């Protein structure tokens, strides 16, 4: 196993000092390690162009918006707090969460559903909902 770079060691220390959850620390460190492997060098040496290339790479992967948010948040914490270079990740904006809209019945479907109930008491109950 490759020894952690100084930047990743500092990231872990900063996350622990900020009293972040153990699972979050593990996810941020894993994300930062993948980024460092992608770069082939220490993350502190990466310029904005290399970070943008990583973000573009992540967006082509089959991962959802929540996982992307985790990767982006790890980058923002790494560069903003640990390395003191927030300008390198200022371009990153968080993806929106997918929020599926509820299914809404049409008026005709509502009447058909209410008419299908044989018991009058049930029809009144459903009409009140």
N, C-alpha and C. Protein backbone atom coordinates (compact mmCIF):
# COMPACT_ATOMS: atom_id res chain seq x y z
N UNK A 1 0.84 -1.19 0.00
CA UNK A 1 0.00 0.00 0.00
C UNK A 1 0.88 1.24 0.00
N UNK A 2 0.56 2.20 -0.84
CA UNK A 2 1.33 3.42 -0.97
C UNK A 2 1.15 4.30 0.27
N UNK A 3 2.23 4.88 0.72
CA UNK A 3 2.15 5.78 1.87
C UNK A 3 1.35 7.02 1.47
N UNK A 4 0.61 7.53 2.42
CA UNK A 4 -0.20 8.72 2.15
C UNK A 4 0.71 9.93 1.95
N UNK A 5 0.35 10.78 1.01
CA UNK A 5 1.12 12.00 0.78
C UNK A 5 0.92 12.93 1.97
N UNK A 6 1.78 13.90 2.07
CA UNK A 6 1.70 14.87 3.15
C UNK A 6 0.36 15.63 3.10
N UNK A 7 -0.09 15.96 1.89
CA UNK A 7 -1.36 16.68 1.74
C UNK A 7 -2.53 15.85 2.25
N UNK A 8 -2.53 14.54 1.95
CA UNK A 8 -3.63 13.69 2.40
C UNK A 8 -3.57 13.48 3.91
N UNK A 9 -2.37 13.43 4.47
CA UNK A 9 -2.23 13.33 5.92
C UNK A 9 -2.77 14.60 6.59
N UNK A 10 -2.45 15.74 5.99
CA UNK A 10 -2.97 17.00 6.52
C UNK A 10 -4.49 17.08 6.39
N UNK A 11 -5.02 16.57 5.26
CA UNK A 11 -6.47 16.54 5.07
C UNK A 11 -7.13 15.72 6.16
N UNK A 12 -6.59 14.55 6.43
CA UNK A 12 -7.16 13.70 7.48
C UNK A 12 -7.13 14.41 8.84
N UNK A 13 -6.03 15.06 9.15
CA UNK A 13 -5.93 15.79 10.41
C UNK A 13 -6.92 16.93 10.50
N UNK A 14 -7.09 17.66 9.41
CA UNK A 14 -8.05 18.77 9.39
C UNK A 14 -9.48 18.29 9.56
N UNK A 15 -9.80 17.18 8.92
CA UNK A 15 -11.16 16.62 9.04
C UNK A 15 -11.42 16.16 10.47
N UNK A 16 -10.43 15.53 11.07
CA UNK A 16 -10.59 15.07 12.46
C UNK A 16 -10.70 16.27 13.41
N UNK A 17 -9.89 17.29 13.18
CA UNK A 17 -9.92 18.48 14.03
C UNK A 17 -11.27 19.19 13.92
N UNK A 18 -11.87 19.14 12.74
CA UNK A 18 -13.18 19.76 12.53
C UNK A 18 -14.30 18.87 13.09
N UNK A 19 -13.92 17.71 13.62
CA UNK A 19 -14.86 16.76 14.24
C UNK A 19 -15.93 16.27 13.27
N UNK A 20 -15.48 15.93 12.06
CA UNK A 20 -16.40 15.40 11.07
C UNK A 20 -16.66 13.92 11.37
N UNK A 21 -17.75 13.40 10.89
CA UNK A 21 -18.14 12.01 11.11
C UNK A 21 -17.10 11.07 10.49
N UNK A 22 -16.92 9.94 11.12
CA UNK A 22 -15.91 8.97 10.67
C UNK A 22 -16.16 8.54 9.22
N UNK A 23 -17.41 8.29 8.87
CA UNK A 23 -17.76 7.88 7.51
C UNK A 23 -17.44 8.96 6.50
N UNK A 24 -17.69 10.21 6.86
CA UNK A 24 -17.39 11.33 5.96
C UNK A 24 -15.88 11.44 5.76
N UNK A 25 -15.13 11.30 6.83
CA UNK A 25 -13.67 11.36 6.73
C UNK A 25 -13.17 10.27 5.79
N UNK A 26 -13.69 9.06 5.95
CA UNK A 26 -13.26 7.95 5.09
C UNK A 26 -13.61 8.23 3.63
N UNK A 27 -14.80 8.75 3.37
CA UNK A 27 -15.21 9.04 1.99
C UNK A 27 -14.36 10.16 1.38
N UNK A 28 -14.11 11.21 2.13
CA UNK A 28 -13.29 12.32 1.63
C UNK A 28 -11.87 11.85 1.33
N UNK A 29 -11.31 11.03 2.23
CA UNK A 29 -9.94 10.54 2.01
C UNK A 29 -9.89 9.62 0.80
N UNK A 30 -10.88 8.75 0.65
CA UNK A 30 -10.92 7.86 -0.51
C UNK A 30 -11.03 8.67 -1.80
N UNK A 31 -11.85 9.69 -1.77
CA UNK A 31 -12.01 10.55 -2.95
C UNK A 31 -10.69 11.27 -3.27
N UNK A 32 -10.03 11.78 -2.24
CA UNK A 32 -8.76 12.49 -2.45
C UNK A 32 -7.68 11.53 -2.95
N UNK A 33 -7.68 10.28 -2.45
CA UNK A 33 -6.71 9.29 -2.94
C UNK A 33 -6.94 8.98 -4.42
N UNK A 34 -8.20 8.83 -4.81
CA UNK A 34 -8.52 8.58 -6.22
C UNK A 34 -8.07 9.76 -7.09
N UNK A 35 -8.30 10.95 -6.59
CA UNK A 35 -7.88 12.15 -7.32
C UNK A 35 -6.37 12.17 -7.48
N UNK A 36 -5.66 11.85 -6.41
CA UNK A 36 -4.20 11.84 -6.46
C UNK A 36 -3.69 10.77 -7.42
N UNK A 37 -4.35 9.60 -7.43
CA UNK A 37 -3.96 8.55 -8.37
C UNK A 37 -4.24 8.99 -9.81
N UNK A 38 -5.35 9.68 -10.02
CA UNK A 38 -5.69 10.20 -11.34
C UNK A 38 -4.64 11.19 -11.82
N UNK A 39 -4.18 12.04 -10.90
CA UNK A 39 -3.18 13.06 -11.24
C UNK A 39 -1.80 12.46 -11.48
N UNK A 40 -1.46 11.46 -10.65
CA UNK A 40 -0.12 10.90 -10.70
C UNK A 40 0.90 11.76 -9.98
N UNK A 41 0.43 12.65 -9.13
CA UNK A 41 1.31 13.51 -8.34
C UNK A 41 0.56 13.95 -7.09
N UNK A 42 1.25 14.65 -6.20
CA UNK A 42 0.62 15.15 -4.99
C UNK A 42 -0.46 16.17 -5.36
N UNK A 43 -1.56 16.15 -4.62
CA UNK A 43 -2.68 17.04 -4.94
C UNK A 43 -2.31 18.51 -4.78
N UNK A 44 -1.33 18.81 -3.95
CA UNK A 44 -0.93 20.20 -3.75
C UNK A 44 -0.26 20.79 -4.99
N UNK A 45 0.21 19.94 -5.89
CA UNK A 45 0.88 20.39 -7.10
C UNK A 45 -0.09 20.62 -8.27
N UNK A 46 -1.33 20.20 -8.10
CA UNK A 46 -2.31 20.30 -9.19
C UNK A 46 -2.76 21.74 -9.38
N UNK A 47 -2.90 22.11 -10.62
CA UNK A 47 -3.45 23.43 -10.96
C UNK A 47 -4.94 23.32 -11.22
N UNK A 48 -5.55 24.46 -11.47
CA UNK A 48 -6.99 24.48 -11.71
C UNK A 48 -7.36 23.66 -12.95
N UNK A 49 -6.50 23.64 -13.94
CA UNK A 49 -6.77 22.89 -15.17
C UNK A 49 -6.85 21.38 -14.88
N UNK A 50 -5.94 20.88 -14.03
CA UNK A 50 -5.95 19.46 -13.67
C UNK A 50 -7.19 19.12 -12.84
N UNK A 51 -7.58 20.03 -11.97
CA UNK A 51 -8.79 19.81 -11.15
C UNK A 51 -10.02 19.80 -12.05
N UNK A 52 -10.08 20.72 -13.00
CA UNK A 52 -11.19 20.75 -13.96
C UNK A 52 -11.25 19.45 -14.77
N UNK A 53 -10.10 18.93 -15.14
CA UNK A 53 -10.04 17.67 -15.87
C UNK A 53 -10.62 16.53 -15.02
N UNK A 54 -10.30 16.52 -13.72
CA UNK A 54 -10.84 15.51 -12.79
C UNK A 54 -12.36 15.66 -12.67
N UNK A 55 -12.84 16.88 -12.55
CA UNK A 55 -14.28 17.12 -12.43
C UNK A 55 -14.99 16.65 -13.70
N UNK A 56 -14.42 16.95 -14.86
CA UNK A 56 -14.99 16.48 -16.13
C UNK A 56 -15.01 14.95 -16.18
N UNK A 57 -13.93 14.34 -15.69
CA UNK A 57 -13.85 12.87 -15.65
C UNK A 57 -14.96 12.30 -14.75
N UNK A 58 -15.15 12.90 -13.59
CA UNK A 58 -16.19 12.42 -12.66
C UNK A 58 -17.58 12.50 -13.29
N UNK A 59 -17.81 13.56 -14.05
CA UNK A 59 -19.13 13.75 -14.65
C UNK A 59 -19.44 12.73 -15.73
N UNK A 60 -18.41 12.07 -16.26
CA UNK A 60 -18.65 11.04 -17.27
C UNK A 60 -18.85 9.66 -16.64
N UNK A 61 -18.63 9.56 -15.34
CA UNK A 61 -18.77 8.28 -14.65
C UNK A 61 -20.23 8.01 -14.30
N UNK A 62 -20.60 6.73 -14.20
CA UNK A 62 -21.99 6.40 -13.87
C UNK A 62 -22.26 6.51 -12.36
N UNK A 63 -22.16 7.72 -11.84
CA UNK A 63 -22.44 7.94 -10.42
C UNK A 63 -23.50 9.03 -10.31
N UNK A 64 -24.25 8.96 -9.24
CA UNK A 64 -25.36 9.88 -9.06
C UNK A 64 -24.92 11.22 -8.48
N UNK A 65 -25.86 12.14 -8.39
CA UNK A 65 -25.54 13.48 -7.90
C UNK A 65 -25.05 13.50 -6.45
N UNK A 66 -25.52 12.59 -5.62
CA UNK A 66 -25.08 12.55 -4.22
C UNK A 66 -23.60 12.19 -4.13
N UNK A 67 -23.18 11.22 -4.94
CA UNK A 67 -21.78 10.82 -4.93
C UNK A 67 -20.90 11.93 -5.52
N UNK A 68 -21.39 12.59 -6.55
CA UNK A 68 -20.65 13.72 -7.12
C UNK A 68 -20.48 14.82 -6.07
N UNK A 69 -21.54 15.09 -5.31
CA UNK A 69 -21.47 16.09 -4.25
C UNK A 69 -20.38 15.74 -3.24
N UNK A 70 -20.26 14.47 -2.94
CA UNK A 70 -19.23 14.02 -2.00
C UNK A 70 -17.84 14.30 -2.55
N UNK A 71 -17.61 13.94 -3.82
CA UNK A 71 -16.31 14.21 -4.45
C UNK A 71 -16.01 15.71 -4.48
N UNK A 72 -17.00 16.50 -4.87
CA UNK A 72 -16.80 17.94 -4.96
C UNK A 72 -16.55 18.56 -3.58
N UNK A 73 -17.30 18.10 -2.60
CA UNK A 73 -17.11 18.62 -1.24
C UNK A 73 -15.73 18.28 -0.71
N UNK A 74 -15.25 17.08 -1.02
CA UNK A 74 -13.90 16.69 -0.61
C UNK A 74 -12.87 17.62 -1.25
N UNK A 75 -13.05 17.92 -2.54
CA UNK A 75 -12.13 18.84 -3.22
C UNK A 75 -12.18 20.23 -2.59
N UNK A 76 -13.38 20.71 -2.31
CA UNK A 76 -13.52 22.05 -1.73
C UNK A 76 -12.89 22.12 -0.35
N UNK A 77 -13.06 21.07 0.45
CA UNK A 77 -12.44 21.06 1.78
C UNK A 77 -10.92 20.98 1.65
N UNK A 78 -10.45 20.10 0.77
CA UNK A 78 -9.01 19.91 0.58
C UNK A 78 -8.33 21.22 0.16
N UNK A 79 -8.87 21.86 -0.88
CA UNK A 79 -8.22 23.07 -1.38
C UNK A 79 -8.59 24.31 -0.58
N UNK A 80 -9.80 24.37 -0.07
CA UNK A 80 -10.24 25.55 0.66
C UNK A 80 -9.68 25.64 2.07
N UNK A 81 -9.64 24.51 2.78
CA UNK A 81 -9.23 24.55 4.18
C UNK A 81 -7.83 23.98 4.39
N UNK A 82 -7.56 22.82 3.82
CA UNK A 82 -6.28 22.16 4.09
C UNK A 82 -5.12 22.85 3.38
N UNK A 83 -5.29 23.12 2.09
CA UNK A 83 -4.20 23.69 1.31
C UNK A 83 -4.27 25.21 1.21
N UNK A 84 -5.38 25.81 1.63
CA UNK A 84 -5.51 27.26 1.61
C UNK A 84 -5.48 27.85 0.20
N UNK A 85 -6.08 27.13 -0.75
CA UNK A 85 -6.12 27.58 -2.14
C UNK A 85 -7.54 27.49 -2.70
N UNK A 86 -8.50 28.18 -2.08
CA UNK A 86 -9.90 28.04 -2.50
C UNK A 86 -10.15 28.49 -3.93
N UNK A 87 -9.30 29.35 -4.47
CA UNK A 87 -9.51 29.84 -5.84
C UNK A 87 -9.39 28.71 -6.86
N UNK A 88 -8.68 27.64 -6.53
CA UNK A 88 -8.51 26.53 -7.46
C UNK A 88 -9.80 25.74 -7.67
N UNK A 89 -10.71 25.78 -6.69
CA UNK A 89 -11.96 25.02 -6.79
C UNK A 89 -13.19 25.92 -6.79
N UNK A 90 -12.97 27.22 -6.98
CA UNK A 90 -14.09 28.17 -6.95
C UNK A 90 -15.11 27.91 -8.06
N UNK A 91 -14.69 27.26 -9.14
CA UNK A 91 -15.58 27.01 -10.27
C UNK A 91 -16.55 25.86 -10.02
N UNK A 92 -16.31 25.06 -8.99
CA UNK A 92 -17.14 23.87 -8.74
C UNK A 92 -18.48 24.29 -8.15
N UNK A 93 -19.56 23.83 -8.78
CA UNK A 93 -20.89 24.04 -8.22
C UNK A 93 -21.50 22.67 -7.98
N UNK A 94 -22.23 22.57 -6.91
CA UNK A 94 -22.80 21.28 -6.51
C UNK A 94 -23.97 20.90 -7.40
N UNK A 95 -24.01 19.62 -7.82
CA UNK A 95 -25.16 19.17 -8.62
C UNK A 95 -26.42 19.12 -7.76
N UNK A 96 -27.52 19.34 -8.40
CA UNK A 96 -28.80 19.28 -7.68
C UNK A 96 -29.19 17.83 -7.44
N UNK A 97 -29.89 17.66 -6.34
CA UNK A 97 -30.40 16.33 -6.03
C UNK A 97 -31.57 16.03 -6.95
N UNK A 98 -31.68 14.76 -7.33
CA UNK A 98 -32.85 14.35 -8.09
C UNK A 98 -34.02 14.26 -7.13
N UNK A 99 -35.05 15.02 -7.40
CA UNK A 99 -36.25 14.95 -6.56
C UNK A 99 -37.43 14.63 -7.46
N UNK A 100 -37.77 13.34 -7.53
CA UNK A 100 -38.87 12.96 -8.41
C UNK A 100 -40.19 13.59 -7.95
N UNK A 101 -40.93 14.08 -8.89
CA UNK A 101 -42.22 14.67 -8.58
C UNK A 101 -43.23 13.57 -8.28
N UNK A 102 -44.14 13.83 -7.36
CA UNK A 102 -45.17 12.82 -7.07
C UNK A 102 -46.12 12.69 -8.25
N UNK A 103 -46.68 11.52 -8.40
CA UNK A 103 -47.65 11.28 -9.46
C UNK A 103 -48.96 11.96 -9.07
N UNK A 104 -49.47 12.78 -9.94
CA UNK A 104 -50.72 13.48 -9.69
C UNK A 104 -51.77 12.92 -10.65
N UNK A 105 -52.89 12.51 -10.08
CA UNK A 105 -53.97 11.96 -10.90
C UNK A 105 -54.72 13.09 -11.60
N UNK A 106 -55.17 12.79 -12.80
CA UNK A 106 -56.00 13.76 -13.51
C UNK A 106 -57.40 13.74 -12.89
N UNK A 107 -58.20 14.78 -13.12
CA UNK A 107 -59.56 14.79 -12.57
C UNK A 107 -60.38 13.55 -12.98
N UNK A 108 -60.20 13.10 -14.22
CA UNK A 108 -60.94 11.93 -14.68
C UNK A 108 -60.51 10.68 -13.92
N UNK A 109 -59.21 10.57 -13.64
CA UNK A 109 -58.72 9.41 -12.89
C UNK A 109 -59.23 9.42 -11.45
N UNK A 110 -59.34 10.62 -10.86
CA UNK A 110 -59.86 10.74 -9.50
C UNK A 110 -61.32 10.29 -9.47
N UNK A 111 -62.13 10.76 -10.43
CA UNK A 111 -63.53 10.36 -10.48
C UNK A 111 -63.69 8.86 -10.68
N UNK A 112 -62.84 8.29 -11.54
CA UNK A 112 -62.89 6.85 -11.79
C UNK A 112 -62.53 6.08 -10.52
N UNK A 113 -61.53 6.56 -9.76
CA UNK A 113 -61.12 5.89 -8.52
C UNK A 113 -62.23 5.99 -7.47
N UNK A 114 -62.84 7.17 -7.37
CA UNK A 114 -63.92 7.34 -6.40
C UNK A 114 -65.16 6.55 -6.80
N UNK A 115 -65.45 6.48 -8.07
CA UNK A 115 -66.61 5.74 -8.55
C UNK A 115 -66.43 4.24 -8.42
N UNK A 116 -65.20 3.78 -8.36
CA UNK A 116 -64.94 2.34 -8.25
C UNK A 116 -65.19 1.81 -6.85
N UNK A 117 -65.30 2.67 -5.88
CA UNK A 117 -65.55 2.23 -4.51
C UNK A 117 -67.05 2.02 -4.34
N UNK A 118 -67.42 0.80 -3.99
CA UNK A 118 -68.84 0.45 -3.89
C UNK A 118 -69.46 0.95 -2.59
N UNK A 119 -68.71 1.03 -1.54
CA UNK A 119 -69.26 1.42 -0.25
C UNK A 119 -69.23 2.95 -0.16
N UNK A 120 -70.39 3.53 0.16
CA UNK A 120 -70.51 4.99 0.21
C UNK A 120 -69.58 5.59 1.24
N UNK A 121 -69.40 4.90 2.36
CA UNK A 121 -68.53 5.42 3.42
C UNK A 121 -67.09 5.54 2.91
N UNK A 122 -66.66 4.58 2.09
CA UNK A 122 -65.30 4.63 1.53
C UNK A 122 -65.19 5.77 0.53
N UNK A 123 -66.24 6.00 -0.26
CA UNK A 123 -66.20 7.11 -1.22
C UNK A 123 -66.06 8.43 -0.49
N UNK A 124 -66.77 8.61 0.60
CA UNK A 124 -66.69 9.86 1.38
C UNK A 124 -65.28 10.00 1.95
N UNK A 125 -64.72 8.91 2.47
CA UNK A 125 -63.37 8.95 3.04
C UNK A 125 -62.35 9.38 1.98
N UNK A 126 -62.40 8.75 0.82
CA UNK A 126 -61.45 9.08 -0.23
C UNK A 126 -61.66 10.50 -0.79
N UNK A 127 -62.89 10.95 -0.79
CA UNK A 127 -63.17 12.30 -1.28
C UNK A 127 -62.59 13.35 -0.34
N UNK A 128 -62.46 13.02 0.95
CA UNK A 128 -61.94 13.97 1.91
C UNK A 128 -60.42 14.05 1.92
N UNK A 129 -59.76 13.08 1.35
CA UNK A 129 -58.29 13.05 1.38
C UNK A 129 -57.72 14.10 0.46
